[in-house]
């Protein structure tokens, strides 16, 4: 096993922690509140970057791991990271909100299962 493959559990933990932080930052908030709160926007976007970067690191470390867990949207996580990182002044905040409310809760389940070894 390559050294980078040994880090996969760390990257999984980073993804899960970022999802949990976003949930904490946006708890009790609706879309209008999110769109008015630049601090929460920045915090959520930063953690979306972390999710995508960790997914990219997993992909680089072990394409076989990605193939074995193909139901997890690795490429979508990476693409979202690229969008928010490189389109920083033109980010669609409504899309970020949809990601926070719809996509991240669905992503959390299989990521948590990976972490827990299920």
PDB file of N, CA and C in Angstrom:
ATOM      1  N   UNK A   1       0.841  -1.175   0.000  1.00  0.00           N
ATOM      2  CA  UNK A   1       0.000   0.000   0.000  1.00  0.00           C
ATOM      3  C   UNK A   1       0.893   1.247   0.000  1.00  0.00           C
ATOM      4  N   UNK A   2       0.589   2.177  -0.906  1.00  0.00           N
ATOM      5  CA  UNK A   2       1.357   3.407  -0.995  1.00  0.00           C
ATOM      6  C   UNK A   2       1.070   4.297   0.214  1.00  0.00           C
ATOM      7  N   UNK A   3       2.037   5.152   0.529  1.00  0.00           N
ATOM      8  CA  UNK A   3       1.875   6.081   1.651  1.00  0.00           C
ATOM      9  C   UNK A   3       0.604   6.916   1.493  1.00  0.00           C
ATOM     10  N   UNK A   4       0.348   7.403   0.276  1.00  0.00           N
ATOM     11  CA  UNK A   4      -0.834   8.235   0.045  1.00  0.00           C
ATOM     12  C   UNK A   4      -2.122   7.478   0.350  1.00  0.00           C
ATOM     13  N   UNK A   5      -2.152   6.172   0.066  1.00  0.00           N
ATOM     14  CA  UNK A   5      -3.345   5.379   0.353  1.00  0.00           C
ATOM     15  C   UNK A   5      -3.609   5.286   1.846  1.00  0.00           C
ATOM     16  N   UNK A   6      -2.560   5.374   2.637  1.00  0.00           N
ATOM     17  CA  UNK A   6      -2.737   5.347   4.087  1.00  0.00           C
ATOM     18  C   UNK A   6      -3.464   6.587   4.578  1.00  0.00           C
ATOM     19  N   UNK A   7      -3.464   7.638   3.796  1.00  0.00           N
ATOM     20  CA  UNK A   7      -4.114   8.885   4.177  1.00  0.00           C
ATOM     21  C   UNK A   7      -5.592   8.914   3.817  1.00  0.00           C
ATOM     22  N   UNK A   8      -6.089   7.960   3.080  1.00  0.00           N
ATOM     23  CA  UNK A   8      -7.490   7.976   2.666  1.00  0.00           C
ATOM     24  C   UNK A   8      -8.427   8.114   3.860  1.00  0.00           C
ATOM     25  N   UNK A   9      -8.230   7.397   4.965  1.00  0.00           N
ATOM     26  CA  UNK A   9      -9.120   7.612   6.121  1.00  0.00           C
ATOM     27  C   UNK A   9      -9.089   9.062   6.626  1.00  0.00           C
ATOM     28  N   UNK A  10      -7.933   9.706   6.549  1.00  0.00           N
ATOM     29  CA  UNK A  10      -7.849  11.120   6.936  1.00  0.00           C
ATOM     30  C   UNK A  10      -8.679  11.987   5.997  1.00  0.00           C
ATOM     31  N   UNK A  11      -8.578  11.738   4.704  1.00  0.00           N
ATOM     32  CA  UNK A  11      -9.348  12.519   3.736  1.00  0.00           C
ATOM     33  C   UNK A  11     -10.847  12.309   3.925  1.00  0.00           C
ATOM     34  N   UNK A  12     -11.251  11.084   4.207  1.00  0.00           N
ATOM     35  CA  UNK A  12     -12.663  10.801   4.493  1.00  0.00           C
ATOM     36  C   UNK A  12     -13.102  11.603   5.718  1.00  0.00           C
ATOM     37  N   UNK A  13     -12.268  11.619   6.745  1.00  0.00           N
ATOM     38  CA  UNK A  13     -12.578  12.388   7.959  1.00  0.00           C
ATOM     39  C   UNK A  13     -12.669  13.877   7.654  1.00  0.00           C
ATOM     40  N   UNK A  14     -11.822  14.384   6.774  1.00  0.00           N
ATOM     41  CA  UNK A  14     -11.869  15.799   6.406  1.00  0.00           C
ATOM     42  C   UNK A  14     -13.186  16.129   5.713  1.00  0.00           C
ATOM     43  N   UNK A  15     -13.627  15.258   4.816  1.00  0.00           N
ATOM     44  CA  UNK A  15     -14.898  15.473   4.122  1.00  0.00           C
ATOM     45  C   UNK A  15     -16.035  15.509   5.131  1.00  0.00           C
ATOM     46  N   UNK A  16     -16.057  14.550   6.016  1.00  0.00           N
ATOM     47  CA  UNK A  16     -17.129  14.479   7.004  1.00  0.00           C
ATOM     48  C   UNK A  16     -17.113  15.700   7.920  1.00  0.00           C
ATOM     49  N   UNK A  17     -15.945  16.104   8.373  1.00  0.00           N
ATOM     50  CA  UNK A  17     -15.855  17.279   9.239  1.00  0.00           C
ATOM     51  C   UNK A  17     -16.333  18.538   8.515  1.00  0.00           C
ATOM     52  N   UNK A  18     -15.992  18.686   7.255  1.00  0.00           N
ATOM     53  CA  UNK A  18     -16.433  19.852   6.488  1.00  0.00           C
ATOM     54  C   UNK A  18     -17.952  19.859   6.329  1.00  0.00           C
ATOM     55  N   UNK A  19     -18.543  18.702   6.069  1.00  0.00           N
ATOM     56  CA  UNK A  19     -20.003  18.607   5.975  1.00  0.00           C
ATOM     57  C   UNK A  19     -20.635  19.008   7.301  1.00  0.00           C
ATOM     58  N   UNK A  20     -20.092  18.506   8.395  1.00  0.00           N
ATOM     59  CA  UNK A  20     -20.631  18.823   9.718  1.00  0.00           C
ATOM     60  C   UNK A  20     -20.498  20.310  10.034  1.00  0.00           C
ATOM     61  N   UNK A  21     -19.387  20.915   9.664  1.00  0.00           N
ATOM     62  CA  UNK A  21     -19.203  22.348   9.905  1.00  0.00           C
ATOM     63  C   UNK A  21     -20.213  23.173   9.118  1.00  0.00           C
ATOM     64  N   UNK A  22     -20.412  22.826   7.863  1.00  0.00           N
ATOM     65  CA  UNK A  22     -21.388  23.552   7.050  1.00  0.00           C
ATOM     66  C   UNK A  22     -22.772  23.437   7.678  1.00  0.00           C
ATOM     67  N   UNK A  23     -23.137  22.245   8.130  1.00  0.00           N
ATOM     68  CA  UNK A  23     -24.439  22.055   8.779  1.00  0.00           C
ATOM     69  C   UNK A  23     -24.546  22.919  10.030  1.00  0.00           C
ATOM     70  N   UNK A  24     -23.478  22.986  10.799  1.00  0.00           N
ATOM     71  CA  UNK A  24     -23.466  23.812  12.012  1.00  0.00           C
ATOM     72  C   UNK A  24     -23.604  25.295  11.664  1.00  0.00           C
ATOM     73  N   UNK A  25     -22.857  25.757  10.676  1.00  0.00           N
ATOM     74  CA  UNK A  25     -22.876  27.173  10.310  1.00  0.00           C
ATOM     75  C   UNK A  25     -24.229  27.619   9.769  1.00  0.00           C
ATOM     76  N   UNK A  26     -24.957  26.698   9.133  1.00  0.00           N
ATOM     77  CA  UNK A  26     -26.218  27.062   8.484  1.00  0.00           C
ATOM     78  C   UNK A  26     -27.448  26.576   9.245  1.00  0.00           C
ATOM     79  N   UNK A  27     -27.246  26.011  10.421  1.00  0.00           N
ATOM     80  CA  UNK A  27     -28.377  25.503  11.219  1.00  0.00           C
ATOM     81  C   UNK A  27     -29.368  26.632  11.499  1.00  0.00           C
ATOM     82  N   UNK A  28     -30.632  26.348  11.287  1.00  0.00           N
ATOM     83  CA  UNK A  28     -31.688  27.316  11.559  1.00  0.00           C
ATOM     84  C   UNK A  28     -31.770  28.450  10.551  1.00  0.00           C
ATOM     85  N   UNK A  29     -31.031  28.363   9.490  1.00  0.00           N
ATOM     86  CA  UNK A  29     -30.961  29.429   8.497  1.00  0.00           C
ATOM     87  C   UNK A  29     -31.773  29.026   7.274  1.00  0.00           C
ATOM     88  N   UNK A  30     -32.452  30.005   6.682  1.00  0.00           N
ATOM     89  CA  UNK A  30     -33.105  29.749   5.404  1.00  0.00           C
ATOM     90  C   UNK A  30     -32.258  30.370   4.293  1.00  0.00           C
ATOM     91  N   UNK A  31     -32.698  30.181   3.056  1.00  0.00           N
ATOM     92  CA  UNK A  31     -31.892  30.667   1.934  1.00  0.00           C
ATOM     93  C   UNK A  31     -31.695  32.178   1.982  1.00  0.00           C
ATOM     94  N   UNK A  32     -32.746  32.920   2.325  1.00  0.00           N
ATOM     95  CA  UNK A  32     -32.600  34.378   2.396  1.00  0.00           C
ATOM     96  C   UNK A  32     -31.559  34.781   3.431  1.00  0.00           C
ATOM     97  N   UNK A  33     -31.579  34.125   4.577  1.00  0.00           N
ATOM     98  CA  UNK A  33     -30.585  34.408   5.606  1.00  0.00           C
ATOM     99  C   UNK A  33     -29.183  34.092   5.117  1.00  0.00           C
ATOM    100  N   UNK A  34     -29.048  32.985   4.419  1.00  0.00           N
ATOM    101  CA  UNK A  34     -27.751  32.609   3.857  1.00  0.00           C
ATOM    102  C   UNK A  34     -27.273  33.651   2.852  1.00  0.00           C
ATOM    103  N   UNK A  35     -28.173  34.096   1.985  1.00  0.00           N
ATOM    104  CA  UNK A  35     -27.797  35.057   0.947  1.00  0.00           C
ATOM    105  C   UNK A  35     -27.420  36.419   1.525  1.00  0.00           C
ATOM    106  N   UNK A  36     -27.880  36.709   2.728  1.00  0.00           N
ATOM    107  CA  UNK A  36     -27.555  37.983   3.385  1.00  0.00           C
ATOM    108  C   UNK A  36     -26.322  37.896   4.279  1.00  0.00           C
ATOM    109  N   UNK A  37     -25.827  36.695   4.543  1.00  0.00           N
ATOM    110  CA  UNK A  37     -24.751  36.528   5.522  1.00  0.00           C
ATOM    111  C   UNK A  37     -23.448  36.116   4.822  1.00  0.00           C
ATOM    112  N   UNK A  38     -22.638  37.107   4.521  1.00  0.00           N
ATOM    113  CA  UNK A  38     -21.385  36.850   3.800  1.00  0.00           C
ATOM    114  C   UNK A  38     -20.408  35.997   4.608  1.00  0.00           C
ATOM    115  N   UNK A  39     -20.433  36.142   5.912  1.00  0.00           N
ATOM    116  CA  UNK A  39     -19.539  35.349   6.757  1.00  0.00           C
ATOM    117  C   UNK A  39     -19.868  33.855   6.643  1.00  0.00           C
ATOM    118  N   UNK A  40     -21.149  33.526   6.715  1.00  0.00           N
ATOM    119  CA  UNK A  40     -21.564  32.126   6.586  1.00  0.00           C
ATOM    120  C   UNK A  40     -21.310  31.630   5.164  1.00  0.00           C
ATOM    121  N   UNK A  41     -21.557  32.472   4.173  1.00  0.00           N
ATOM    122  CA  UNK A  41     -21.260  32.089   2.787  1.00  0.00           C
ATOM    123  C   UNK A  41     -19.791  31.703   2.646  1.00  0.00           C
ATOM    124  N   UNK A  42     -18.921  32.581   3.148  1.00  0.00           N
ATOM    125  CA  UNK A  42     -17.486  32.320   3.030  1.00  0.00           C
ATOM    126  C   UNK A  42     -17.077  31.044   3.763  1.00  0.00           C
ATOM    127  N   UNK A  43     -17.641  30.836   4.948  1.00  0.00           N
ATOM    128  CA  UNK A  43     -17.307  29.633   5.722  1.00  0.00           C
ATOM    129  C   UNK A  43     -17.794  28.376   5.004  1.00  0.00           C
ATOM    130  N   UNK A  44     -19.003  28.424   4.470  1.00  0.00           N
ATOM    131  CA  UNK A  44     -19.548  27.265   3.763  1.00  0.00           C
ATOM    132  C   UNK A  44     -18.743  26.978   2.496  1.00  0.00           C
ATOM    133  N   UNK A  45     -18.435  28.021   1.748  1.00  0.00           N
ATOM    134  CA  UNK A  45     -17.672  27.842   0.512  1.00  0.00           C
ATOM    135  C   UNK A  45     -16.290  27.278   0.813  1.00  0.00           C
ATOM    136  N   UNK A  46     -15.657  27.760   1.856  1.00  0.00           N
ATOM    137  CA  UNK A  46     -14.336  27.232   2.234  1.00  0.00           C
ATOM    138  C   UNK A  46     -14.417  25.736   2.521  1.00  0.00           C
ATOM    139  N   UNK A  47     -15.462  25.318   3.201  1.00  0.00           N
ATOM    140  CA  UNK A  47     -15.597  23.895   3.522  1.00  0.00           C
ATOM    141  C   UNK A  47     -15.985  23.069   2.306  1.00  0.00           C
ATOM    142  N   UNK A  48     -16.690  23.658   1.354  1.00  0.00           N
ATOM    143  CA  UNK A  48     -16.941  22.970   0.083  1.00  0.00           C
ATOM    144  C   UNK A  48     -15.616  22.757  -0.651  1.00  0.00           C
ATOM    145  N   UNK A  49     -14.731  23.738  -0.571  1.00  0.00           N
ATOM    146  CA  UNK A  49     -13.395  23.574  -1.154  1.00  0.00           C
ATOM    147  C   UNK A  49     -12.650  22.418  -0.491  1.00  0.00           C
ATOM    148  N   UNK A  50     -12.756  22.316   0.824  1.00  0.00           N
ATOM    149  CA  UNK A  50     -12.092  21.230   1.559  1.00  0.00           C
ATOM    150  C   UNK A  50     -12.635  19.876   1.110  1.00  0.00           C
ATOM    151  N   UNK A  51     -13.949  19.782   0.968  1.00  0.00           N
ATOM    152  CA  UNK A  51     -14.573  18.534   0.515  1.00  0.00           C
ATOM    153  C   UNK A  51     -14.007  18.128  -0.847  1.00  0.00           C
ATOM    154  N   UNK A  52     -13.982  19.066  -1.774  1.00  0.00           N
ATOM    155  CA  UNK A  52     -13.487  18.768  -3.116  1.00  0.00           C
ATOM    156  C   UNK A  52     -12.007  18.450  -3.155  1.00  0.00           C
ATOM    157  N   UNK A  53     -11.239  19.157  -2.349  1.00  0.00           N
ATOM    158  CA  UNK A  53      -9.795  18.903  -2.308  1.00  0.00           C
ATOM    159  C   UNK A  53      -9.513  17.514  -1.734  1.00  0.00           C
ATOM    160  N   UNK A  54     -10.237  17.148  -0.685  1.00  0.00           N
ATOM    161  CA  UNK A  54     -10.058  15.816  -0.101  1.00  0.00           C
ATOM    162  C   UNK A  54     -10.459  14.733  -1.107  1.00  0.00           C
ATOM    163  N   UNK A  55     -11.560  14.960  -1.827  1.00  0.00           N
ATOM    164  CA  UNK A  55     -11.980  13.996  -2.852  1.00  0.00           C
ATOM    165  C   UNK A  55     -10.914  13.866  -3.936  1.00  0.00           C
ATOM    166  N   UNK A  56     -10.345  14.990  -4.335  1.00  0.00           N
ATOM    167  CA  UNK A  56      -9.291  14.961  -5.352  1.00  0.00           C
ATOM    168  C   UNK A  56      -8.054  14.222  -4.844  1.00  0.00           C
ATOM    169  N   UNK A  57      -7.723  14.419  -3.585  1.00  0.00           N
ATOM    170  CA  UNK A  57      -6.577  13.712  -3.010  1.00  0.00           C
ATOM    171  C   UNK A  57      -6.813  12.206  -2.967  1.00  0.00           C
ATOM    172  N   UNK A  58      -8.041  11.805  -2.669  1.00  0.00           N
ATOM    173  CA  UNK A  58      -8.377  10.377  -2.682  1.00  0.00           C
ATOM    174  C   UNK A  58      -8.239   9.828  -4.102  1.00  0.00           C
ATOM    175  N   UNK A  59      -8.767  10.571  -5.063  1.00  0.00           N
ATOM    176  CA  UNK A  59      -8.687  10.144  -6.464  1.00  0.00           C
ATOM    177  C   UNK A  59      -7.233   9.972  -6.912  1.00  0.00           C
ATOM    178  N   UNK A  60      -6.386  10.891  -6.517  1.00  0.00           N
ATOM    179  CA  UNK A  60      -4.965  10.804  -6.881  1.00  0.00           C
ATOM    180  C   UNK A  60      -4.270   9.646  -6.173  1.00  0.00           C
ATOM    181  N   UNK A  61      -4.627   9.441  -4.913  1.00  0.00           N
ATOM    182  CA  UNK A  61      -3.972   8.400  -4.117  1.00  0.00           C
ATOM    183  C   UNK A  61      -4.364   7.004  -4.568  1.00  0.00           C
ATOM    184  N   UNK A  62      -5.641   6.845  -4.930  1.00  0.00           N
ATOM    185  CA  UNK A  62      -6.102   5.495  -5.241  1.00  0.00           C
ATOM    186  C   UNK A  62      -7.302   5.514  -6.184  1.00  0.00           C
ATOM    187  N   UNK A  63      -7.055   5.528  -7.481  1.00  0.00           N
ATOM    188  CA  UNK A  63      -8.166   5.410  -8.422  1.00  0.00           C
ATOM    189  C   UNK A  63      -8.998   4.149  -8.170  1.00  0.00           C
ATOM    190  N   UNK A  64      -8.362   3.102  -7.666  1.00  0.00           N
ATOM    191  CA  UNK A  64      -9.094   1.863  -7.369  1.00  0.00           C
ATOM    192  C   UNK A  64     -10.117   2.092  -6.260  1.00  0.00           C
ATOM    193  N   UNK A  65      -9.763   2.894  -5.264  1.00  0.00           N
ATOM    194  CA  UNK A  65     -10.701   3.208  -4.182  1.00  0.00           C
ATOM    195  C   UNK A  65     -11.914   3.949  -4.746  1.00  0.00           C
ATOM    196  N   UNK A  66     -11.665   4.893  -5.636  1.00  0.00           N
ATOM    197  CA  UNK A  66     -12.753   5.643  -6.278  1.00  0.00           C
ATOM    198  C   UNK A  66     -13.646   4.678  -7.057  1.00  0.00           C
ATOM    199  N   UNK A  67     -13.041   3.769  -7.810  1.00  0.00           N
ATOM    200  CA  UNK A  67     -13.809   2.795  -8.593  1.00  0.00           C
ATOM    201  C   UNK A  67     -14.612   1.865  -7.694  1.00  0.00           C
ATOM    202  N   UNK A  68     -14.026   1.474  -6.574  1.00  0.00           N
ATOM    203  CA  UNK A  68     -14.722   0.586  -5.639  1.00  0.00           C
ATOM    204  C   UNK A  68     -15.910   1.268  -4.965  1.00  0.00           C
ATOM    205  N   UNK A  69     -15.875   2.590  -4.900  1.00  0.00           N
ATOM    206  CA  UNK A  69     -16.943   3.363  -4.245  1.00  0.00           C
ATOM    207  C   UNK A  69     -17.551   4.337  -5.250  1.00  0.00           C
ATOM    208  N   UNK A  70     -17.898   3.802  -6.403  1.00  0.00           N
ATOM    209  CA  UNK A  70     -18.352   4.615  -7.529  1.00  0.00           C
ATOM    210  C   UNK A  70     -19.698   5.289  -7.313  1.00  0.00           C
ATOM    211  N   UNK A  71     -20.458   4.857  -6.309  1.00  0.00           N
ATOM    212  CA  UNK A  71     -21.755   5.495  -6.051  1.00  0.00           C
ATOM    213  C   UNK A  71     -21.601   6.840  -5.334  1.00  0.00           C
ATOM    214  N   UNK A  72     -20.435   7.090  -4.800  1.00  0.00           N
ATOM    215  CA  UNK A  72     -20.155   8.383  -4.171  1.00  0.00           C
ATOM    216  C   UNK A  72     -19.756   9.349  -5.287  1.00  0.00           C
ATOM    217  N   UNK A  73     -20.332  10.550  -5.304  1.00  0.00           N
ATOM    218  CA  UNK A  73     -20.094  11.481  -6.420  1.00  0.00           C
ATOM    219  C   UNK A  73     -18.754  12.225  -6.327  1.00  0.00           C
ATOM    220  N   UNK A  74     -17.668  11.465  -6.423  1.00  0.00           N
ATOM    221  CA  UNK A  74     -16.333  12.054  -6.296  1.00  0.00           C
ATOM    222  C   UNK A  74     -16.115  13.179  -7.295  1.00  0.00           C
ATOM    223  N   UNK A  75     -16.439  12.928  -8.555  1.00  0.00           N
ATOM    224  CA  UNK A  75     -16.182  13.938  -9.589  1.00  0.00           C
ATOM    225  C   UNK A  75     -17.033  15.186  -9.377  1.00  0.00           C
ATOM    226  N   UNK A  76     -18.234  15.017  -8.850  1.00  0.00           N
ATOM    227  CA  UNK A  76     -19.083  16.171  -8.551  1.00  0.00           C
ATOM    228  C   UNK A  76     -18.483  17.004  -7.429  1.00  0.00           C
ATOM    229  N   UNK A  77     -17.942  16.348  -6.408  1.00  0.00           N
ATOM    230  CA  UNK A  77     -17.298  17.073  -5.310  1.00  0.00           C
ATOM    231  C   UNK A  77     -16.108  17.873  -5.833  1.00  0.00           C
ATOM    232  N   UNK A  78     -15.329  17.255  -6.690  1.00  0.00           N
ATOM    233  CA  UNK A  78     -14.150  17.922  -7.245  1.00  0.00           C
ATOM    234  C   UNK A  78     -14.572  19.092  -8.134  1.00  0.00           C
ATOM    235  N   UNK A  79     -15.596  18.879  -8.956  1.00  0.00           N
ATOM    236  CA  UNK A  79     -16.073  19.941  -9.850  1.00  0.00           C
ATOM    237  C   UNK A  79     -16.626  21.127  -9.061  1.00  0.00           C
ATOM    238  N   UNK A  80     -17.352  20.852  -7.986  1.00  0.00           N
ATOM    239  CA  UNK A  80     -17.890  21.945  -7.165  1.00  0.00           C
ATOM    240  C   UNK A  80     -16.750  22.729  -6.534  1.00  0.00           C
ATOM    241  N   UNK A  81     -15.739  22.036  -6.063  1.00  0.00           N
ATOM    242  CA  UNK A  81     -14.564  22.715  -5.501  1.00  0.00           C
ATOM    243  C   UNK A  81     -13.930  23.627  -6.538  1.00  0.00           C
ATOM    244  N   UNK A  82     -13.795  23.127  -7.760  1.00  0.00           N
ATOM    245  CA  UNK A  82     -13.197  23.934  -8.820  1.00  0.00           C
ATOM    246  C   UNK A  82     -14.044  25.161  -9.134  1.00  0.00           C
ATOM    247  N   UNK A  83     -15.363  24.990  -9.150  1.00  0.00           N
ATOM    248  CA  UNK A  83     -16.252  26.121  -9.429  1.00  0.00           C
ATOM    249  C   UNK A  83     -16.124  27.211  -8.380  1.00  0.00           C
ATOM    250  N   UNK A  84     -16.159  26.829  -7.103  1.00  0.00           N
ATOM    251  CA  UNK A  84     -16.115  27.858  -6.060  1.00  0.00           C
ATOM    252  C   UNK A  84     -14.712  28.430  -5.891  1.00  0.00           C
ATOM    253  N   UNK A  85     -13.690  27.657  -6.201  1.00  0.00           N
ATOM    254  CA  UNK A  85     -12.317  28.149  -6.066  1.00  0.00           C
ATOM    255  C   UNK A  85     -11.932  29.104  -7.190  1.00  0.00           C
ATOM    256  N   UNK A  86     -12.351  28.794  -8.397  1.00  0.00           N
ATOM    257  CA  UNK A  86     -11.907  29.579  -9.546  1.00  0.00           C
ATOM    258  C   UNK A  86     -12.926  30.610 -10.007  1.00  0.00           C
ATOM    259  N   UNK A  87     -14.153  30.486  -9.554  1.00  0.00           N
ATOM    260  CA  UNK A  87     -15.176  31.458  -9.933  1.00  0.00           C
ATOM    261  C   UNK A  87     -15.595  32.301  -8.751  1.00  0.00           C
ATOM    262  N   UNK A  88     -14.628  32.633  -7.912  1.00  0.00           N
ATOM    263  CA  UNK A  88     -14.897  33.226  -6.606  1.00  0.00           C
ATOM    264  C   UNK A  88     -15.768  34.477  -6.631  1.00  0.00           C
ATOM    265  N   UNK A  89     -15.735  35.274  -7.676  1.00  0.00           N
ATOM    266  CA  UNK A  89     -16.572  36.473  -7.712  1.00  0.00           C
ATOM    267  C   UNK A  89     -17.880  36.241  -8.468  1.00  0.00           C
ATOM    268  N   UNK A  90     -18.056  35.066  -9.028  1.00  0.00           N
ATOM    269  CA  UNK A  90     -19.273  34.777  -9.789  1.00  0.00           C
ATOM    270  C   UNK A  90     -19.948  33.504  -9.299  1.00  0.00           C
ATOM    271  N   UNK A  91     -19.806  33.213  -8.031  1.00  0.00           N
ATOM    272  CA  UNK A  91     -20.389  31.997  -7.469  1.00  0.00           C
ATOM    273  C   UNK A  91     -21.901  32.149  -7.403  1.00  0.00           C
ATOM    274  N   UNK A  92     -22.613  31.127  -7.847  1.00  0.00           N
ATOM    275  CA  UNK A  92     -24.066  31.097  -7.758  1.00  0.00           C
ATOM    276  C   UNK A  92     -24.431  30.660  -6.340  1.00  0.00           C
ATOM    277  N   UNK A  93     -24.761  31.627  -5.493  1.00  0.00           N
ATOM    278  CA  UNK A  93     -25.018  31.322  -4.087  1.00  0.00           C
ATOM    279  C   UNK A  93     -26.285  30.500  -3.885  1.00  0.00           C
ATOM    280  N   UNK A  94     -27.245  30.626  -4.793  1.00  0.00           N
ATOM    281  CA  UNK A  94     -28.439  29.777  -4.694  1.00  0.00           C
ATOM    282  C   UNK A  94     -28.076  28.316  -4.949  1.00  0.00           C
ATOM    283  N   UNK A  95     -27.142  28.083  -5.854  1.00  0.00           N
ATOM    284  CA  UNK A  95     -26.661  26.718  -6.102  1.00  0.00           C
ATOM    285  C   UNK A  95     -25.889  26.197  -4.892  1.00  0.00           C
ATOM    286  N   UNK A  96     -25.092  27.062  -4.277  1.00  0.00           N
ATOM    287  CA  UNK A  96     -24.385  26.666  -3.053  1.00  0.00           C
ATOM    288  C   UNK A  96     -25.402  26.282  -1.985  1.00  0.00           C
ATOM    289  N   UNK A  97     -26.467  27.076  -1.837  1.00  0.00           N
ATOM    290  CA  UNK A  97     -27.491  26.780  -0.842  1.00  0.00           C
ATOM    291  C   UNK A  97     -28.159  25.435  -1.135  1.00  0.00           C
ATOM    292  N   UNK A  98     -28.490  25.189  -2.405  1.00  0.00           N
ATOM    293  CA  UNK A  98     -29.099  23.905  -2.781  1.00  0.00           C
ATOM    294  C   UNK A  98     -28.155  22.759  -2.436  1.00  0.00           C
ATOM    295  N   UNK A  99     -26.881  22.950  -2.699  1.00  0.00           N
ATOM    296  CA  UNK A  99     -25.882  21.935  -2.366  1.00  0.00           C
ATOM    297  C   UNK A  99     -25.880  21.670  -0.866  1.00  0.00           C
ATOM    298  N   UNK A 100     -25.916  22.743  -0.087  1.00  0.00           N
ATOM    299  CA  UNK A 100     -25.894  22.620   1.374  1.00  0.00           C
ATOM    300  C   UNK A 100     -27.114  21.868   1.875  1.00  0.00           C
ATOM    301  N   UNK A 101     -28.273  22.217   1.376  1.00  0.00           N
ATOM    302  CA  UNK A 101     -29.513  21.640   1.899  1.00  0.00           C
ATOM    303  C   UNK A 101     -29.883  20.293   1.289  1.00  0.00           C
ATOM    304  N   UNK A 102     -29.536  20.070   0.041  1.00  0.00           N
ATOM    305  CA  UNK A 102     -29.965  18.836  -0.630  1.00  0.00           C
ATOM    306  C   UNK A 102     -28.844  17.815  -0.797  1.00  0.00           C
ATOM    307  N   UNK A 103     -27.728  18.265  -1.302  1.00  0.00           N
ATOM    308  CA  UNK A 103     -26.664  17.335  -1.681  1.00  0.00           C
ATOM    309  C   UNK A 103     -25.804  16.876  -0.508  1.00  0.00           C
ATOM    310  N   UNK A 104     -25.437  17.807   0.373  1.00  0.00           N
ATOM    311  CA  UNK A 104     -24.539  17.421   1.467  1.00  0.00           C
ATOM    312  C   UNK A 104     -25.162  16.424   2.438  1.00  0.00           C
ATOM    313  N   UNK A 105     -26.444  16.571   2.802  1.00  0.00           N
ATOM    314  CA  UNK A 105     -27.022  15.538   3.677  1.00  0.00           C
ATOM    315  C   UNK A 105     -27.009  14.147   3.031  1.00  0.00           C
ATOM    316  N   UNK A 106     -27.206  14.090   1.723  1.00  0.00           N
ATOM    317  CA  UNK A 106     -27.156  12.806   1.015  1.00  0.00           C
ATOM    318  C   UNK A 106     -25.728  12.277   0.908  1.00  0.00           C
ATOM    319  N   UNK A 107     -24.775  13.167   0.795  1.00  0.00           N
ATOM    320  CA  UNK A 107     -23.373  12.771   0.725  1.00  0.00           C
ATOM    321  C   UNK A 107     -22.871  12.276   2.076  1.00  0.00           C
ATOM    322  N   UNK A 108     -23.380  12.871   3.130  1.00  0.00           N
ATOM    323  CA  UNK A 108     -22.901  12.529   4.473  1.00  0.00           C
ATOM    324  C   UNK A 108     -23.099  11.045   4.795  1.00  0.00           C
ATOM    325  N   UNK A 109     -24.195  10.472   4.359  1.00  0.00           N
ATOM    326  CA  UNK A 109     -24.503   9.072   4.693  1.00  0.00           C
ATOM    327  C   UNK A 109     -23.424   8.094   4.206  1.00  0.00           C
ATOM    328  N   UNK A 110     -23.102   8.082   2.916  1.00  0.00           N
ATOM    329  CA  UNK A 110     -22.074   7.124   2.479  1.00  0.00           C
ATOM    330  C   UNK A 110     -20.674   7.471   2.981  1.00  0.00           C
ATOM    331  N   UNK A 111     -20.399   8.751   3.181  1.00  0.00           N
ATOM    332  CA  UNK A 111     -19.085   9.134   3.710  1.00  0.00           C
ATOM    333  C   UNK A 111     -18.954   8.649   5.150  1.00  0.00           C
ATOM    334  N   UNK A 112     -20.016   8.813   5.919  1.00  0.00           N
ATOM    335  CA  UNK A 112     -20.006   8.322   7.306  1.00  0.00           C
ATOM    336  C   UNK A 112     -19.845   6.796   7.318  1.00  0.00           C
ATOM    337  N   UNK A 113     -20.513   6.110   6.400  1.00  0.00           N
ATOM    338  CA  UNK A 113     -20.390   4.650   6.317  1.00  0.00           C
ATOM    339  C   UNK A 113     -18.954   4.238   5.976  1.00  0.00           C
ATOM    340  N   UNK A 114     -18.305   4.990   5.082  1.00  0.00           N
ATOM    341  CA  UNK A 114     -16.900   4.703   4.773  1.00  0.00           C
ATOM    342  C   UNK A 114     -16.033   4.880   6.009  1.00  0.00           C
ATOM    343  N   UNK A 115     -16.261   5.971   6.711  1.00  0.00           N
ATOM    344  CA  UNK A 115     -15.462   6.229   7.913  1.00  0.00           C
ATOM    345  C   UNK A 115     -15.656   5.133   8.953  1.00  0.00           C
ATOM    346  N   UNK A 116     -16.901   4.693   9.085  1.00  0.00           N
ATOM    347  CA  UNK A 116     -17.226   3.688  10.097  1.00  0.00           C
ATOM    348  C   UNK A 116     -16.936   2.266   9.637  1.00  0.00           C
ATOM    349  N   UNK A 117     -16.480   2.124   8.394  1.00  0.00           N
ATOM    350  CA  UNK A 117     -16.111   0.808   7.887  1.00  0.00           C
ATOM    351  C   UNK A 117     -17.278  -0.062   7.487  1.00  0.00           C
ATOM    352  N   UNK A 118     -18.428   0.565   7.247  1.00  0.00           N
ATOM    353  CA  UNK A 118     -19.617  -0.222   6.872  1.00  0.00           C
ATOM    354  C   UNK A 118     -19.577  -0.626   5.424  1.00  0.00           C
TER     355      UNK A 118
END
